[in-house]
Amino acid sequence: MRFIYRTAAVLAAATVIAGCRGFGDEPAKPPDIATIAAMVGCASPTPEPTEENFVREAVRCADGRRVITFGDNDARDNFRKAQDFGGVYEEGNGYLVEEP
């Protein structure tokens, strides 16, 4: 009987862990732009137009960095390939932060 309880506990834990990451190869949903801006220490985020290909949202920080979000990581990667900019300060799931 203990074996059944242990097995059930392991399966429950695995289900919770899988739920946090999403299903299969699907990555977890990217955080919203306000969360990312706060996470990277972006002071006074100012919304910017998002007419660029692949971009979902963008804000400019007081120090000149630019926080950009994307629908998925493929869009982020395509944006990086298509852009000529100074460099990436930080990159994560569905976002990147450009250096000034």
PDB file of N, CA and C in Angstrom:
ATOM      1  N   MET A   1       0.811  -1.185   0.000  1.00  0.00           N
ATOM      2  CA  MET A   1       0.000   0.000   0.000  1.00  0.00           C
ATOM      3  C   MET A   1       0.870   1.270   0.000  1.00  0.00           C
ATOM      4  N   ARG A   2       2.008   1.203   0.715  1.00  0.00           N
ATOM      5  CA  ARG A   2       2.908   2.362   0.721  1.00  0.00           C
ATOM      6  C   ARG A   2       3.428   2.656  -0.670  1.00  0.00           C
ATOM      7  N   PHE A   3       3.668   1.618  -1.439  1.00  0.00           N
ATOM      8  CA  PHE A   3       4.152   1.784  -2.805  1.00  0.00           C
ATOM      9  C   PHE A   3       3.159   2.603  -3.617  1.00  0.00           C
ATOM     10  N   ILE A   4       1.892   2.339  -3.456  1.00  0.00           N
ATOM     11  CA  ILE A   4       0.858   3.065  -4.205  1.00  0.00           C
ATOM     12  C   ILE A   4       0.849   4.536  -3.803  1.00  0.00           C
ATOM     13  N   TYR A   5       0.951   4.810  -2.501  1.00  0.00           N
ATOM     14  CA  TYR A   5       0.965   6.198  -2.044  1.00  0.00           C
ATOM     15  C   TYR A   5       2.202   6.938  -2.544  1.00  0.00           C
ATOM     16  N   ARG A   6       3.360   6.276  -2.502  1.00  0.00           N
ATOM     17  CA  ARG A   6       4.587   6.903  -2.983  1.00  0.00           C
ATOM     18  C   ARG A   6       4.508   7.169  -4.482  1.00  0.00           C
ATOM     19  N   THR A   7       4.001   6.192  -5.213  1.00  0.00           N
ATOM     20  CA  THR A   7       3.847   6.358  -6.658  1.00  0.00           C
ATOM     21  C   THR A   7       2.891   7.502  -6.962  1.00  0.00           C
ATOM     22  N   ALA A   8       1.801   7.574  -6.233  1.00  0.00           N
ATOM     23  CA  ALA A   8       0.827   8.655  -6.440  1.00  0.00           C
ATOM     24  C   ALA A   8       1.458  10.005  -6.128  1.00  0.00           C
ATOM     25  N   ALA A   9       2.257  10.063  -5.073  1.00  0.00           N
ATOM     26  CA  ALA A   9       2.913  11.320  -4.708  1.00  0.00           C
ATOM     27  C   ALA A   9       3.913  11.749  -5.780  1.00  0.00           C
ATOM     28  N   VAL A  10       4.671  10.807  -6.306  1.00  0.00           N
ATOM     29  CA  VAL A  10       5.638  11.117  -7.364  1.00  0.00           C
ATOM     30  C   VAL A  10       4.918  11.590  -8.624  1.00  0.00           C
ATOM     31  N   LEU A  11       3.850  10.916  -8.989  1.00  0.00           N
ATOM     32  CA  LEU A  11       3.087  11.320 -10.173  1.00  0.00           C
ATOM     33  C   LEU A  11       2.466  12.695  -9.984  1.00  0.00           C
ATOM     34  N   ALA A  12       1.967  12.981  -8.795  1.00  0.00           N
ATOM     35  CA  ALA A  12       1.381  14.297  -8.524  1.00  0.00           C
ATOM     36  C   ALA A  12       2.449  15.388  -8.639  1.00  0.00           C
ATOM     37  N   ALA A  13       3.629  15.140  -8.077  1.00  0.00           N
ATOM     38  CA  ALA A  13       4.710  16.120  -8.162  1.00  0.00           C
ATOM     39  C   ALA A  13       5.137  16.339  -9.614  1.00  0.00           C
ATOM     40  N   ALA A  14       5.228  15.270 -10.384  1.00  0.00           N
ATOM     41  CA  ALA A  14       5.609  15.385 -11.795  1.00  0.00           C
ATOM     42  C   ALA A  14       4.573  16.186 -12.572  1.00  0.00           C
ATOM     43  N   THR A  15       3.304  15.996 -12.251  1.00  0.00           N
ATOM     44  CA  THR A  15       2.239  16.734 -12.926  1.00  0.00           C
ATOM     45  C   THR A  15       2.334  18.215 -12.608  1.00  0.00           C
ATOM     46  N   VAL A  16       2.600  18.556 -11.357  1.00  0.00           N
ATOM     47  CA  VAL A  16       2.742  19.964 -10.968  1.00  0.00           C
ATOM     48  C   VAL A  16       3.927  20.598 -11.678  1.00  0.00           C
ATOM     49  N   ILE A  17       5.053  19.907 -11.704  1.00  0.00           N
ATOM     50  CA  ILE A  17       6.245  20.439 -12.367  1.00  0.00           C
ATOM     51  C   ILE A  17       5.992  20.621 -13.857  1.00  0.00           C
ATOM     52  N   ALA A  18       5.377  19.643 -14.485  1.00  0.00           N
ATOM     53  CA  ALA A  18       5.073  19.755 -15.919  1.00  0.00           C
ATOM     54  C   ALA A  18       4.112  20.905 -16.177  1.00  0.00           C
ATOM     55  N   GLY A  19       3.166  21.121 -15.277  1.00  0.00           N
ATOM     56  CA  GLY A  19       2.202  22.208 -15.430  1.00  0.00           C
ATOM     57  C   GLY A  19       2.859  23.569 -15.366  1.00  0.00           C
ATOM     58  N   CYS A  20       3.914  23.701 -14.583  1.00  0.00           N
ATOM     59  CA  CYS A  20       4.617  24.975 -14.472  1.00  0.00           C
ATOM     60  C   CYS A  20       5.374  25.307 -15.754  1.00  0.00           C
ATOM     61  N   ARG A  21       5.823  24.309 -16.456  1.00  0.00           N
ATOM     62  CA  ARG A  21       6.613  24.542 -17.668  1.00  0.00           C
ATOM     63  C   ARG A  21       5.768  24.512 -18.925  1.00  0.00           C
ATOM     64  N   GLY A  22       4.549  24.099 -18.861  1.00  0.00           N
ATOM     65  CA  GLY A  22       3.738  23.935 -20.054  1.00  0.00           C
ATOM     66  C   GLY A  22       3.772  22.477 -20.469  1.00  0.00           C
ATOM     67  N   PHE A  23       3.157  22.147 -21.559  1.00  0.00           N
ATOM     68  CA  PHE A  23       3.086  20.765 -22.005  1.00  0.00           C
ATOM     69  C   PHE A  23       4.096  20.495 -23.100  1.00  0.00           C
ATOM     70  N   GLY A  24       4.740  19.356 -23.024  1.00  0.00           N
ATOM     71  CA  GLY A  24       5.675  18.931 -24.065  1.00  0.00           C
ATOM     72  C   GLY A  24       6.777  19.937 -24.288  1.00  0.00           C
ATOM     73  N   ASP A  25       7.024  20.265 -25.546  1.00  0.00           N
ATOM     74  CA  ASP A  25       8.086  21.197 -25.909  1.00  0.00           C
ATOM     75  C   ASP A  25       7.630  22.648 -25.876  1.00  0.00           C
ATOM     76  N   GLU A  26       6.367  22.861 -25.553  1.00  0.00           N
ATOM     77  CA  GLU A  26       5.816  24.206 -25.542  1.00  0.00           C
ATOM     78  C   GLU A  26       6.378  24.981 -24.348  1.00  0.00           C
ATOM     79  N   PRO A  27       7.057  26.115 -24.585  1.00  0.00           N
ATOM     80  CA  PRO A  27       7.610  26.873 -23.458  1.00  0.00           C
ATOM     81  C   PRO A  27       6.506  27.555 -22.663  1.00  0.00           C
ATOM     82  N   ALA A  28       6.806  27.906 -21.437  1.00  0.00           N
ATOM     83  CA  ALA A  28       5.854  28.622 -20.605  1.00  0.00           C
ATOM     84  C   ALA A  28       5.567  29.985 -21.232  1.00  0.00           C
ATOM     85  N   LYS A  29       4.397  30.526 -20.942  1.00  0.00           N
ATOM     86  CA  LYS A  29       4.013  31.825 -21.488  1.00  0.00           C
ATOM     87  C   LYS A  29       4.975  32.902 -20.994  1.00  0.00           C
ATOM     88  N   PRO A  30       5.452  33.758 -21.895  1.00  0.00           N
ATOM     89  CA  PRO A  30       6.372  34.817 -21.481  1.00  0.00           C
ATOM     90  C   PRO A  30       5.686  35.783 -20.512  1.00  0.00           C
ATOM     91  N   PRO A  31       6.440  36.366 -19.570  1.00  0.00           N
ATOM     92  CA  PRO A  31       5.865  37.350 -18.661  1.00  0.00           C
ATOM     93  C   PRO A  31       5.484  38.621 -19.412  1.00  0.00           C
ATOM     94  N   ASP A  32       4.630  39.436 -18.799  1.00  0.00           N
ATOM     95  CA  ASP A  32       4.242  40.685 -19.455  1.00  0.00           C
ATOM     96  C   ASP A  32       5.399  41.689 -19.378  1.00  0.00           C
ATOM     97  N   ILE A  33       5.298  42.728 -20.170  1.00  0.00           N
ATOM     98  CA  ILE A  33       6.416  43.662 -20.317  1.00  0.00           C
ATOM     99  C   ILE A  33       6.710  44.414 -19.023  1.00  0.00           C
ATOM    100  N   ALA A  34       5.694  44.710 -18.216  1.00  0.00           N
ATOM    101  CA  ALA A  34       5.924  45.407 -16.946  1.00  0.00           C
ATOM    102  C   ALA A  34       6.744  44.540 -15.996  1.00  0.00           C
ATOM    103  N   THR A  35       6.472  43.244 -15.980  1.00  0.00           N
ATOM    104  CA  THR A  35       7.217  42.314 -15.130  1.00  0.00           C
ATOM    105  C   THR A  35       8.670  42.238 -15.574  1.00  0.00           C
ATOM    106  N   ILE A  36       8.884  42.146 -16.882  1.00  0.00           N
ATOM    107  CA  ILE A  36      10.249  42.071 -17.408  1.00  0.00           C
ATOM    108  C   ILE A  36      11.008  43.361 -17.106  1.00  0.00           C
ATOM    109  N   ALA A  37      10.363  44.508 -17.324  1.00  0.00           N
ATOM    110  CA  ALA A  37      11.009  45.796 -17.067  1.00  0.00           C
ATOM    111  C   ALA A  37      11.439  45.899 -15.602  1.00  0.00           C
ATOM    112  N   ALA A  38      10.576  45.490 -14.701  1.00  0.00           N
ATOM    113  CA  ALA A  38      10.918  45.527 -13.279  1.00  0.00           C
ATOM    114  C   ALA A  38      12.048  44.542 -12.968  1.00  0.00           C
ATOM    115  N   MET A  39      12.008  43.384 -13.594  1.00  0.00           N
ATOM    116  CA  MET A  39      13.004  42.345 -13.347  1.00  0.00           C
ATOM    117  C   MET A  39      14.412  42.801 -13.747  1.00  0.00           C
ATOM    118  N   VAL A  40      14.522  43.583 -14.814  1.00  0.00           N
ATOM    119  CA  VAL A  40      15.836  44.032 -15.279  1.00  0.00           C
ATOM    120  C   VAL A  40      16.217  45.409 -14.731  1.00  0.00           C
ATOM    121  N   GLY A  41      15.393  45.943 -13.827  1.00  0.00           N
ATOM    122  CA  GLY A  41      15.702  47.225 -13.203  1.00  0.00           C
ATOM    123  C   GLY A  41      15.473  48.413 -14.103  1.00  0.00           C
ATOM    124  N   CYS A  42      14.496  48.331 -14.958  1.00  0.00           N
ATOM    125  CA  CYS A  42      14.180  49.411 -15.890  1.00  0.00           C
ATOM    126  C   CYS A  42      13.427  50.514 -15.140  1.00  0.00           C
ATOM    127  N   ALA A  43      14.078  51.678 -15.010  1.00  0.00           N
ATOM    128  CA  ALA A  43      13.445  52.814 -14.349  1.00  0.00           C
ATOM    129  C   ALA A  43      12.630  53.603 -15.361  1.00  0.00           C
ATOM    130  N   SER A  44      11.459  54.034 -14.966  1.00  0.00           N
ATOM    131  CA  SER A  44      10.575  54.866 -15.792  1.00  0.00           C
ATOM    132  C   SER A  44      10.351  54.294 -17.191  1.00  0.00           C
ATOM    133  N   PRO A  45       9.820  53.062 -17.313  1.00  0.00           N
ATOM    134  CA  PRO A  45       9.582  52.503 -18.654  1.00  0.00           C
ATOM    135  C   PRO A  45       8.561  53.330 -19.434  1.00  0.00           C
ATOM    136  N   THR A  46       8.961  53.738 -20.629  1.00  0.00           N
ATOM    137  CA  THR A  46       8.107  54.544 -21.496  1.00  0.00           C
ATOM    138  C   THR A  46       7.717  53.707 -22.707  1.00  0.00           C
ATOM    139  N   PRO A  47       6.411  53.512 -22.945  1.00  0.00           N
ATOM    140  CA  PRO A  47       5.984  52.716 -24.101  1.00  0.00           C
ATOM    141  C   PRO A  47       6.493  53.314 -25.411  1.00  0.00           C
ATOM    142  N   GLU A  48       6.855  52.417 -26.333  1.00  0.00           N
ATOM    143  CA  GLU A  48       7.318  52.829 -27.655  1.00  0.00           C
ATOM    144  C   GLU A  48       6.455  52.176 -28.723  1.00  0.00           C
ATOM    145  N   PRO A  49       6.397  52.775 -29.900  1.00  0.00           N
ATOM    146  CA  PRO A  49       5.662  52.151 -31.006  1.00  0.00           C
ATOM    147  C   PRO A  49       6.247  50.782 -31.336  1.00  0.00           C
ATOM    148  N   THR A  50       5.411  49.867 -31.777  1.00  0.00           N
ATOM    149  CA  THR A  50       5.874  48.509 -32.094  1.00  0.00           C
ATOM    150  C   THR A  50       5.568  48.166 -33.537  1.00  0.00           C
ATOM    151  N   GLU A  51       6.034  48.998 -34.439  1.00  0.00           N
ATOM    152  CA  GLU A  51       5.793  48.774 -35.858  1.00  0.00           C
ATOM    153  C   GLU A  51       6.801  47.815 -36.473  1.00  0.00           C
ATOM    154  N   GLU A  52       7.824  47.443 -35.711  1.00  0.00           N
ATOM    155  CA  GLU A  52       8.831  46.522 -36.220  1.00  0.00           C
ATOM    156  C   GLU A  52       8.249  45.121 -36.357  1.00  0.00           C
ATOM    157  N   ASN A  53       8.775  44.387 -37.325  1.00  0.00           N
ATOM    158  CA  ASN A  53       8.342  43.004 -37.497  1.00  0.00           C
ATOM    159  C   ASN A  53       8.654  42.195 -36.250  1.00  0.00           C
ATOM    160  N   PHE A  54       7.785  41.293 -35.914  1.00  0.00           N
ATOM    161  CA  PHE A  54       7.942  40.319 -34.833  1.00  0.00           C
ATOM    162  C   PHE A  54       7.707  40.881 -33.433  1.00  0.00           C
ATOM    163  N   VAL A  55       7.714  42.211 -33.236  1.00  0.00           N
ATOM    164  CA  VAL A  55       7.626  42.806 -31.903  1.00  0.00           C
ATOM    165  C   VAL A  55       6.177  42.863 -31.426  1.00  0.00           C
ATOM    166  N   ARG A  56       5.959  42.466 -30.165  1.00  0.00           N
ATOM    167  CA  ARG A  56       4.633  42.565 -29.557  1.00  0.00           C
ATOM    168  C   ARG A  56       4.503  43.875 -28.789  1.00  0.00           C
ATOM    169  N   GLU A  57       5.432  44.141 -27.856  1.00  0.00           N
ATOM    170  CA  GLU A  57       5.436  45.370 -27.070  1.00  0.00           C
ATOM    171  C   GLU A  57       6.875  45.823 -26.873  1.00  0.00           C
ATOM    172  N   ALA A  58       7.047  47.135 -26.634  1.00  0.00           N
ATOM    173  CA  ALA A  58       8.382  47.667 -26.360  1.00  0.00           C
ATOM    174  C   ALA A  58       8.278  48.856 -25.423  1.00  0.00           C
ATOM    175  N   VAL A  59       9.251  48.974 -24.514  1.00  0.00           N
ATOM    176  CA  VAL A  59       9.376  50.157 -23.654  1.00  0.00           C
ATOM    177  C   VAL A  59      10.831  50.584 -23.641  1.00  0.00           C
ATOM    178  N   ARG A  60      11.045  51.880 -23.418  1.00  0.00           N
ATOM    179  CA  ARG A  60      12.396  52.440 -23.300  1.00  0.00           C
ATOM    180  C   ARG A  60      12.614  52.792 -21.828  1.00  0.00           C
ATOM    181  N   CYS A  61      13.752  52.367 -21.290  1.00  0.00           N
ATOM    182  CA  CYS A  61      14.110  52.648 -19.897  1.00  0.00           C
ATOM    183  C   CYS A  61      14.810  54.005 -19.811  1.00  0.00           C
ATOM    184  N   ALA A  62      14.863  54.567 -18.608  1.00  0.00           N
ATOM    185  CA  ALA A  62      15.514  55.869 -18.409  1.00  0.00           C
ATOM    186  C   ALA A  62      16.984  55.832 -18.797  1.00  0.00           C
ATOM    187  N   ASP A  63      17.645  54.677 -18.644  1.00  0.00           N
ATOM    188  CA  ASP A  63      19.069  54.573 -18.975  1.00  0.00           C
ATOM    189  C   ASP A  63      19.317  54.264 -20.457  1.00  0.00           C
ATOM    190  N   GLY A  64      18.262  54.227 -21.263  1.00  0.00           N
ATOM    191  CA  GLY A  64      18.404  54.017 -22.699  1.00  0.00           C
ATOM    192  C   GLY A  64      18.183  52.591 -23.167  1.00  0.00           C
ATOM    193  N   ARG A  65      18.162  51.631 -22.233  1.00  0.00           N
ATOM    194  CA  ARG A  65      17.896  50.251 -22.648  1.00  0.00           C
ATOM    195  C   ARG A  65      16.469  50.144 -23.164  1.00  0.00           C
ATOM    196  N   ARG A  66      16.237  49.162 -23.996  1.00  0.00           N
ATOM    197  CA  ARG A  66      14.920  48.938 -24.588  1.00  0.00           C
ATOM    198  C   ARG A  66      14.482  47.512 -24.293  1.00  0.00           C
ATOM    199  N   VAL A  67      13.324  47.371 -23.661  1.00  0.00           N
ATOM    200  CA  VAL A  67      12.750  46.063 -23.351  1.00  0.00           C
ATOM    201  C   VAL A  67      11.725  45.753 -24.431  1.00  0.00           C
ATOM    202  N   ILE A  68      11.873  44.581 -25.066  1.00  0.00           N
ATOM    203  CA  ILE A  68      11.013  44.199 -26.179  1.00  0.00           C
ATOM    204  C   ILE A  68      10.439  42.815 -25.910  1.00  0.00           C
ATOM    205  N   THR A  69       9.131  42.655 -26.127  1.00  0.00           N
ATOM    206  CA  THR A  69       8.511  41.335 -25.986  1.00  0.00           C
ATOM    207  C   THR A  69       8.032  40.840 -27.337  1.00  0.00           C
ATOM    208  N   PHE A  70       7.919  39.525 -27.437  1.00  0.00           N
ATOM    209  CA  PHE A  70       7.551  38.853 -28.685  1.00  0.00           C
ATOM    210  C   PHE A  70       6.489  37.792 -28.396  1.00  0.00           C
ATOM    211  N   GLY A  71       5.791  37.380 -29.424  1.00  0.00           N
ATOM    212  CA  GLY A  71       4.778  36.344 -29.273  1.00  0.00           C
ATOM    213  C   GLY A  71       5.373  35.005 -28.877  1.00  0.00           C
ATOM    214  N   ASP A  72       6.586  34.737 -29.338  1.00  0.00           N
ATOM    215  CA  ASP A  72       7.268  33.482 -29.001  1.00  0.00           C
ATOM    216  C   ASP A  72       8.767  33.644 -29.257  1.00  0.00           C
ATOM    217  N   ASN A  73       9.520  32.613 -28.930  1.00  0.00           N
ATOM    218  CA  ASN A  73      10.977  32.693 -29.082  1.00  0.00           C
ATOM    219  C   ASN A  73      11.423  32.702 -30.540  1.00  0.00           C
ATOM    220  N   ASP A  74      10.644  32.097 -31.428  1.00  0.00           N
ATOM    221  CA  ASP A  74      10.978  32.163 -32.858  1.00  0.00           C
ATOM    222  C   ASP A  74      10.925  33.606 -33.353  1.00  0.00           C
ATOM    223  N   ALA A  75       9.900  34.347 -32.923  1.00  0.00           N
ATOM    224  CA  ALA A  75       9.785  35.756 -33.310  1.00  0.00           C
ATOM    225  C   ALA A  75      10.967  36.551 -32.758  1.00  0.00           C
ATOM    226  N   ARG A  76      11.348  36.268 -31.499  1.00  0.00           N
ATOM    227  CA  ARG A  76      12.508  36.940 -30.894  1.00  0.00           C
ATOM    228  C   ARG A  76      13.776  36.666 -31.704  1.00  0.00           C
ATOM    229  N   ASP A  77      13.977  35.400 -32.056  1.00  0.00           N
ATOM    230  CA  ASP A  77      15.175  35.024 -32.811  1.00  0.00           C
ATOM    231  C   ASP A  77      15.186  35.650 -34.201  1.00  0.00           C
ATOM    232  N   ASN A  78      14.036  35.688 -34.863  1.00  0.00           N
ATOM    233  CA  ASN A  78      13.948  36.325 -36.189  1.00  0.00           C
ATOM    234  C   ASN A  78      14.212  37.821 -36.092  1.00  0.00           C
ATOM    235  N   PHE A  79      13.736  38.454 -35.032  1.00  0.00           N
ATOM    236  CA  PHE A  79      13.991  39.874 -34.820  1.00  0.00           C
ATOM    237  C   PHE A  79      15.492  40.131 -34.696  1.00  0.00           C
ATOM    238  N   ARG A  80      16.155  39.304 -33.916  1.00  0.00           N
ATOM    239  CA  ARG A  80      17.605  39.469 -33.735  1.00  0.00           C
ATOM    240  C   ARG A  80      18.353  39.319 -35.050  1.00  0.00           C
ATOM    241  N   LYS A  81      17.919  38.370 -35.864  1.00  0.00           N
ATOM    242  CA  LYS A  81      18.581  38.156 -37.164  1.00  0.00           C
ATOM    243  C   LYS A  81      18.368  39.344 -38.098  1.00  0.00           C
ATOM    244  N   ALA A  82      17.186  39.967 -38.028  1.00  0.00           N
ATOM    245  CA  ALA A  82      16.821  41.029 -38.960  1.00  0.00           C
ATOM    246  C   ALA A  82      17.300  42.412 -38.524  1.00  0.00           C
ATOM    247  N   GLN A  83      17.664  42.593 -37.262  1.00  0.00           N
ATOM    248  CA  GLN A  83      18.008  43.915 -36.747  1.00  0.00           C
ATOM    249  C   GLN A  83      19.513  44.138 -36.699  1.00  0.00           C
ATOM    250  N   ASP A  84      19.859  45.399 -36.820  1.00  0.00           N
ATOM    251  CA  ASP A  84      21.240  45.817 -36.652  1.00  0.00           C
ATOM    252  C   ASP A  84      21.244  46.798 -35.480  1.00  0.00           C
ATOM    253  N   PHE A  85      21.544  46.294 -34.299  1.00  0.00           N
ATOM    254  CA  PHE A  85      21.528  47.147 -33.115  1.00  0.00           C
ATOM    255  C   PHE A  85      22.760  46.870 -32.270  1.00  0.00           C
ATOM    256  N   GLY A  86      22.939  47.695 -31.225  1.00  0.00           N
ATOM    257  CA  GLY A  86      24.140  47.665 -30.407  1.00  0.00           C
ATOM    258  C   GLY A  86      24.438  46.343 -29.740  1.00  0.00           C
ATOM    259  N   GLY A  87      23.444  45.648 -29.295  1.00  0.00           N
ATOM    260  CA  GLY A  87      23.680  44.391 -28.622  1.00  0.00           C
ATOM    261  C   GLY A  87      22.565  44.042 -27.667  1.00  0.00           C
ATOM    262  N   VAL A  88      22.622  42.834 -27.174  1.00  0.00           N
ATOM    263  CA  VAL A  88      21.595  42.350 -26.264  1.00  0.00           C
ATOM    264  C   VAL A  88      22.146  42.369 -24.848  1.00  0.00           C
ATOM    265  N   TYR A  89      21.447  43.057 -23.979  1.00  0.00           N
ATOM    266  CA  TYR A  89      21.818  43.126 -22.570  1.00  0.00           C
ATOM    267  C   TYR A  89      21.363  41.858 -21.855  1.00  0.00           C
ATOM    268  N   GLU A  90      20.144  41.425 -22.160  1.00  0.00           N
ATOM    269  CA  GLU A  90      19.581  40.213 -21.563  1.00  0.00           C
ATOM    270  C   GLU A  90      18.546  39.635 -22.509  1.00  0.00           C
ATOM    271  N   GLU A  91      18.436  38.317 -22.484  1.00  0.00           N
ATOM    272  CA  GLU A  91      17.481  37.623 -23.345  1.00  0.00           C
ATOM    273  C   GLU A  91      16.785  36.555 -22.513  1.00  0.00           C
ATOM    274  N   GLY A  92      15.490  36.377 -22.766  1.00  0.00           N
ATOM    275  CA  GLY A  92      14.738  35.361 -22.038  1.00  0.00           C
ATOM    276  C   GLY A  92      13.587  34.841 -22.867  1.00  0.00           C
ATOM    277  N   ASN A  93      12.703  34.122 -22.222  1.00  0.00           N
ATOM    278  CA  ASN A  93      11.564  33.509 -22.889  1.00  0.00           C
ATOM    279  C   ASN A  93      10.615  34.570 -23.430  1.00  0.00           C
ATOM    280  N   GLY A  94      10.666  34.817 -24.731  1.00  0.00           N
ATOM    281  CA  GLY A  94       9.767  35.762 -25.382  1.00  0.00           C
ATOM    282  C   GLY A  94      10.145  37.223 -25.231  1.00  0.00           C
ATOM    283  N   TYR A  95      11.360  37.517 -24.797  1.00  0.00           N
ATOM    284  CA  TYR A  95      11.767  38.914 -24.669  1.00  0.00           C
ATOM    285  C   TYR A  95      13.266  39.067 -24.853  1.00  0.00           C
ATOM    286  N   LEU A  96      13.677  40.303 -25.060  1.00  0.00           N
ATOM    287  CA  LEU A  96      15.089  40.662 -24.987  1.00  0.00           C
ATOM    288  C   LEU A  96      15.194  42.107 -24.555  1.00  0.00           C
ATOM    289  N   VAL A  97      16.357  42.445 -24.029  1.00  0.00           N
ATOM    290  CA  VAL A  97      16.642  43.809 -23.595  1.00  0.00           C
ATOM    291  C   VAL A  97      17.841  44.283 -24.396  1.00  0.00           C
ATOM    292  N   GLU A  98      17.655  45.350 -25.173  1.00  0.00           N
ATOM    293  CA  GLU A  98      18.737  45.916 -25.973  1.00  0.00           C
ATOM    294  C   GLU A  98      19.527  46.920 -25.157  1.00  0.00           C
ATOM    295  N   GLU A  99      20.833  46.913 -25.367  1.00  0.00           N
ATOM    296  CA  GLU A  99      21.678  47.940 -24.747  1.00  0.00           C
ATOM    297  C   GLU A  99      21.447  49.252 -25.464  1.00  0.00           C
ATOM    298  N   PRO A 100      21.727  50.379 -24.781  1.00  0.00           N
ATOM    299  CA  PRO A 100      21.538  51.684 -25.439  1.00  0.00           C
ATOM    300  C   PRO A 100      22.534  51.887 -26.565  1.00  0.00           C
TER     301      PRO A 100
END
